[in-house]
Every structure is written in structure tokens, then in C-alpha cells.
Amino acid sequence: MDENKKEITGSPYEFEGRIPLKQAIPLGLQHVMAMFVGNLTPIIVIMGV
């Protein structure tokens, strides 16, 4: 029966892998911060700050 049981968590490098919430939250926050930096950098450069 254990052989048929699907693994809930996996590697973040798998195409459809699921990672634990403890690892997903920091990775999600890193992604959000990267989006903010990518959007704000051109504005700061153009303003000449």
C-alpha cells in the first residue's frame, strides 16, 4: 500500500514538485522582493537619485 502512496512534498527542481510551506514562504517573499526591485530600479535611475 505504501508503494502506491503519492509523495506530497518533493524537490523544488522537479517540474511539478511541491515543496513544504516552511520553504515556500521564504522563496515566495524572495520572488516578490525581486519584482519590486525590478520595477523600482528604472525609476530610481531615471530620477537620478
PDB file of N, CA and C in Angstrom:
ATOM      1  N   MET A   1       0.824  -1.191   0.000  1.00  0.00           N
ATOM      2  CA  MET A   1       0.000   0.000   0.000  1.00  0.00           C
ATOM      3  C   MET A   1       0.870   1.257   0.000  1.00  0.00           C
ATOM      4  N   ASP A   2       2.024   1.227   0.672  1.00  0.00           N
ATOM      5  CA  ASP A   2       2.900   2.391   0.717  1.00  0.00           C
ATOM      6  C   ASP A   2       3.505   2.697  -0.654  1.00  0.00           C
ATOM      7  N   GLU A   3       3.636   1.670  -1.494  1.00  0.00           N
ATOM      8  CA  GLU A   3       4.207   1.885  -2.815  1.00  0.00           C
ATOM      9  C   GLU A   3       3.291   2.745  -3.681  1.00  0.00           C
ATOM     10  N   ASN A   4       1.986   2.634  -3.483  1.00  0.00           N
ATOM     11  CA  ASN A   4       1.013   3.387  -4.281  1.00  0.00           C
ATOM     12  C   ASN A   4       0.766   4.789  -3.734  1.00  0.00           C
ATOM     13  N   LYS A   5       1.249   5.032  -2.527  1.00  0.00           N
ATOM     14  CA  LYS A   5       1.028   6.330  -1.897  1.00  0.00           C
ATOM     15  C   LYS A   5       1.896   7.388  -2.570  1.00  0.00           C
ATOM     16  N   LYS A   6       1.265   8.494  -2.988  1.00  0.00           N
ATOM     17  CA  LYS A   6       1.993   9.551  -3.670  1.00  0.00           C
ATOM     18  C   LYS A   6       2.729  10.416  -2.659  1.00  0.00           C
ATOM     19  N   GLU A   7       3.916  10.830  -3.008  1.00  0.00           N
ATOM     20  CA  GLU A   7       4.713  11.691  -2.138  1.00  0.00           C
ATOM     21  C   GLU A   7       4.149  13.109  -2.209  1.00  0.00           C
ATOM     22  N   ILE A   8       3.887  13.715  -1.053  1.00  0.00           N
ATOM     23  CA  ILE A   8       3.271  15.046  -1.019  1.00  0.00           C
ATOM     24  C   ILE A   8       4.289  16.129  -1.332  1.00  0.00           C
ATOM     25  N   THR A   9       5.452  16.052  -0.741  1.00  0.00           N
ATOM     26  CA  THR A   9       6.468  17.070  -0.978  1.00  0.00           C
ATOM     27  C   THR A   9       7.553  16.504  -1.871  1.00  0.00           C
ATOM     28  N   GLY A  10       8.226  17.406  -2.573  1.00  0.00           N
ATOM     29  CA  GLY A  10       9.287  16.973  -3.465  1.00  0.00           C
ATOM     30  C   GLY A  10      10.342  18.046  -3.554  1.00  0.00           C
ATOM     31  N   SER A  11      11.146  17.940  -4.567  1.00  0.00           N
ATOM     32  CA  SER A  11      12.217  18.893  -4.796  1.00  0.00           C
ATOM     33  C   SER A  11      11.673  20.110  -5.539  1.00  0.00           C
ATOM     34  N   PRO A  12      12.166  21.313  -5.222  1.00  0.00           N
ATOM     35  CA  PRO A  12      11.717  22.482  -5.983  1.00  0.00           C
ATOM     36  C   PRO A  12      12.220  22.460  -7.420  1.00  0.00           C
ATOM     37  N   TYR A  13      13.121  21.543  -7.738  1.00  0.00           N
ATOM     38  CA  TYR A  13      13.669  21.459  -9.084  1.00  0.00           C
ATOM     39  C   TYR A  13      12.862  20.538  -9.990  1.00  0.00           C
ATOM     40  N   GLU A  14      11.877  19.842  -9.423  1.00  0.00           N
ATOM     41  CA  GLU A  14      11.009  18.996 -10.235  1.00  0.00           C
ATOM     42  C   GLU A  14       9.993  19.887 -10.947  1.00  0.00           C
ATOM     43  N   PHE A  15       9.538  19.453 -12.122  1.00  0.00           N
ATOM     44  CA  PHE A  15       8.608  20.269 -12.914  1.00  0.00           C
ATOM     45  C   PHE A  15       7.319  20.534 -12.153  1.00  0.00           C
ATOM     46  N   GLU A  16       6.739  19.519 -11.575  1.00  0.00           N
ATOM     47  CA  GLU A  16       5.502  19.693 -10.815  1.00  0.00           C
ATOM     48  C   GLU A  16       5.716  19.327  -9.346  1.00  0.00           C
ATOM     49  N   GLY A  17       6.908  19.578  -8.831  1.00  0.00           N
ATOM     50  CA  GLY A  17       7.216  19.250  -7.456  1.00  0.00           C
ATOM     51  C   GLY A  17       6.558  20.218  -6.486  1.00  0.00           C
ATOM     52  N   ARG A  18       6.177  19.727  -5.339  1.00  0.00           N
ATOM     53  CA  ARG A  18       5.610  20.563  -4.276  1.00  0.00           C
ATOM     54  C   ARG A  18       6.613  20.622  -3.144  1.00  0.00           C
ATOM     55  N   ILE A  19       6.855  21.835  -2.635  1.00  0.00           N
ATOM     56  CA  ILE A  19       7.807  21.991  -1.542  1.00  0.00           C
ATOM     57  C   ILE A  19       7.047  22.313  -0.267  1.00  0.00           C
ATOM     58  N   PRO A  20       7.641  22.043   0.889  1.00  0.00           N
ATOM     59  CA  PRO A  20       6.981  22.325   2.162  1.00  0.00           C
ATOM     60  C   PRO A  20       6.747  23.829   2.340  1.00  0.00           C
ATOM     61  N   LEU A  21       5.738  24.168   3.113  1.00  0.00           N
ATOM     62  CA  LEU A  21       5.367  25.566   3.339  1.00  0.00           C
ATOM     63  C   LEU A  21       6.509  26.349   3.988  1.00  0.00           C
ATOM     64  N   LYS A  22       7.273  25.709   4.866  1.00  0.00           N
ATOM     65  CA  LYS A  22       8.407  26.382   5.507  1.00  0.00           C
ATOM     66  C   LYS A  22       9.434  26.846   4.487  1.00  0.00           C
ATOM     67  N   GLN A  23       9.540  26.159   3.381  1.00  0.00           N
ATOM     68  CA  GLN A  23      10.478  26.534   2.330  1.00  0.00           C
ATOM     69  C   GLN A  23       9.807  27.427   1.286  1.00  0.00           C
ATOM     70  N   ALA A  24       8.518  27.251   1.080  1.00  0.00           N
ATOM     71  CA  ALA A  24       7.798  28.006   0.050  1.00  0.00           C
ATOM     72  C   ALA A  24       7.637  29.482   0.426  1.00  0.00           C
ATOM     73  N   ILE A  25       7.430  29.788   1.701  1.00  0.00           N
ATOM     74  CA  ILE A  25       7.221  31.181   2.117  1.00  0.00           C
ATOM     75  C   ILE A  25       8.461  32.041   1.872  1.00  0.00           C
ATOM     76  N   PRO A  26       9.661  31.639   2.317  1.00  0.00           N
ATOM     77  CA  PRO A  26      10.839  32.469   2.009  1.00  0.00           C
ATOM     78  C   PRO A  26      11.109  32.594   0.513  1.00  0.00           C
ATOM     79  N   LEU A  27      10.890  31.525  -0.235  1.00  0.00           N
ATOM     80  CA  LEU A  27      11.109  31.599  -1.677  1.00  0.00           C
ATOM     81  C   LEU A  27      10.095  32.532  -2.330  1.00  0.00           C
ATOM     82  N   GLY A  28       8.859  32.528  -1.854  1.00  0.00           N
ATOM     83  CA  GLY A  28       7.839  33.438  -2.380  1.00  0.00           C
ATOM     84  C   GLY A  28       8.167  34.885  -2.052  1.00  0.00           C
ATOM     85  N   LEU A  29       8.618  35.146  -0.826  1.00  0.00           N
ATOM     86  CA  LEU A  29       9.000  36.511  -0.450  1.00  0.00           C
ATOM     87  C   LEU A  29      10.196  36.991  -1.262  1.00  0.00           C
ATOM     88  N   GLN A  30      11.125  36.112  -1.541  1.00  0.00           N
ATOM     89  CA  GLN A  30      12.273  36.468  -2.374  1.00  0.00           C
ATOM     90  C   GLN A  30      11.800  36.857  -3.771  1.00  0.00           C
ATOM     91  N   HIS A  31      10.835  36.150  -4.294  1.00  0.00           N
ATOM     92  CA  HIS A  31      10.303  36.444  -5.617  1.00  0.00           C
ATOM     93  C   HIS A  31       9.611  37.809  -5.635  1.00  0.00           C
ATOM     94  N   VAL A  32       8.834  38.091  -4.612  1.00  0.00           N
ATOM     95  CA  VAL A  32       8.130  39.387  -4.528  1.00  0.00           C
ATOM     96  C   VAL A  32       9.131  40.533  -4.418  1.00  0.00           C
ATOM     97  N   MET A  33      10.164  40.374  -3.595  1.00  0.00           N
ATOM     98  CA  MET A  33      11.169  41.425  -3.457  1.00  0.00           C
ATOM     99  C   MET A  33      11.917  41.640  -4.772  1.00  0.00           C
ATOM    100  N   ALA A  34      12.193  40.581  -5.500  1.00  0.00           N
ATOM    101  CA  ALA A  34      12.865  40.709  -6.794  1.00  0.00           C
ATOM    102  C   ALA A  34      11.987  41.469  -7.780  1.00  0.00           C
ATOM    103  N   MET A  35      10.680  41.266  -7.715  1.00  0.00           N
ATOM    104  CA  MET A  35       9.770  42.002  -8.605  1.00  0.00           C
ATOM    105  C   MET A  35       9.764  43.484  -8.251  1.00  0.00           C
ATOM    106  N   PHE A  36       9.754  43.819  -6.963  1.00  0.00           N
ATOM    107  CA  PHE A  36       9.783  45.232  -6.566  1.00  0.00           C
ATOM    108  C   PHE A  36      11.071  45.904  -7.025  1.00  0.00           C
ATOM    109  N   VAL A  37      12.195  45.240  -6.832  1.00  0.00           N
ATOM    110  CA  VAL A  37      13.481  45.817  -7.231  1.00  0.00           C
ATOM    111  C   VAL A  37      13.517  46.020  -8.746  1.00  0.00           C
ATOM    112  N   GLY A  38      13.012  45.061  -9.498  1.00  0.00           N
ATOM    113  CA  GLY A  38      12.996  45.168 -10.949  1.00  0.00           C
ATOM    114  C   GLY A  38      12.122  46.305 -11.441  1.00  0.00           C
ATOM    115  N   ASN A  39      11.064  46.616 -10.706  1.00  0.00           N
ATOM    116  CA  ASN A  39      10.169  47.706 -11.107  1.00  0.00           C
ATOM    117  C   ASN A  39      10.664  49.064 -10.633  1.00  0.00           C
ATOM    118  N   LEU A  40      11.328  49.117  -9.498  1.00  0.00           N
ATOM    119  CA  LEU A  40      11.732  50.400  -8.938  1.00  0.00           C
ATOM    120  C   LEU A  40      13.094  50.884  -9.436  1.00  0.00           C
ATOM    121  N   THR A  41      13.960  49.976  -9.850  1.00  0.00           N
ATOM    122  CA  THR A  41      15.295  50.376 -10.299  1.00  0.00           C
ATOM    123  C   THR A  41      15.268  51.344 -11.481  1.00  0.00           C
ATOM    124  N   PRO A  42      14.497  51.099 -12.534  1.00  0.00           N
ATOM    125  CA  PRO A  42      14.479  52.071 -13.641  1.00  0.00           C
ATOM    126  C   PRO A  42      13.970  53.440 -13.221  1.00  0.00           C
ATOM    127  N   ILE A  43      13.025  53.492 -12.315  1.00  0.00           N
ATOM    128  CA  ILE A  43      12.502  54.785 -11.840  1.00  0.00           C
ATOM    129  C   ILE A  43      13.595  55.550 -11.091  1.00  0.00           C
ATOM    130  N   ILE A  44      14.325  54.844 -10.240  1.00  0.00           N
ATOM    131  CA  ILE A  44      15.400  55.488  -9.484  1.00  0.00           C
ATOM    132  C   ILE A  44      16.509  55.951 -10.417  1.00  0.00           C
ATOM    133  N   VAL A  45      16.836  55.155 -11.426  1.00  0.00           N
ATOM    134  CA  VAL A  45      17.887  55.526 -12.378  1.00  0.00           C
ATOM    135  C   VAL A  45      17.459  56.762 -13.179  1.00  0.00           C
ATOM    136  N   ILE A  46      16.217  56.801 -13.625  1.00  0.00           N
ATOM    137  CA  ILE A  46      15.731  57.935 -14.414  1.00  0.00           C
ATOM    138  C   ILE A  46      15.673  59.212 -13.572  1.00  0.00           C
ATOM    139  N   MET A  47      15.289  59.062 -12.311  1.00  0.00           N
ATOM    140  CA  MET A  47      15.224  60.238 -11.424  1.00  0.00           C
ATOM    141  C   MET A  47      16.612  60.750 -11.071  1.00  0.00           C
ATOM    142  N   GLY A  48      17.621  59.924 -11.220  1.00  0.00           N
ATOM    143  CA  GLY A  48      18.983  60.341 -10.933  1.00  0.00           C
ATOM    144  C   GLY A  48      19.306  60.430  -9.452  1.00  0.00           C
ATOM    145  N   VAL A  49      18.654  59.623  -8.660  1.00  0.00           N
ATOM    146  CA  VAL A  49      18.876  59.653  -7.215  1.00  0.00           C
ATOM    147  C   VAL A  49      20.164  58.943  -6.897  1.00  0.00           C
TER     148      VAL A  49
END
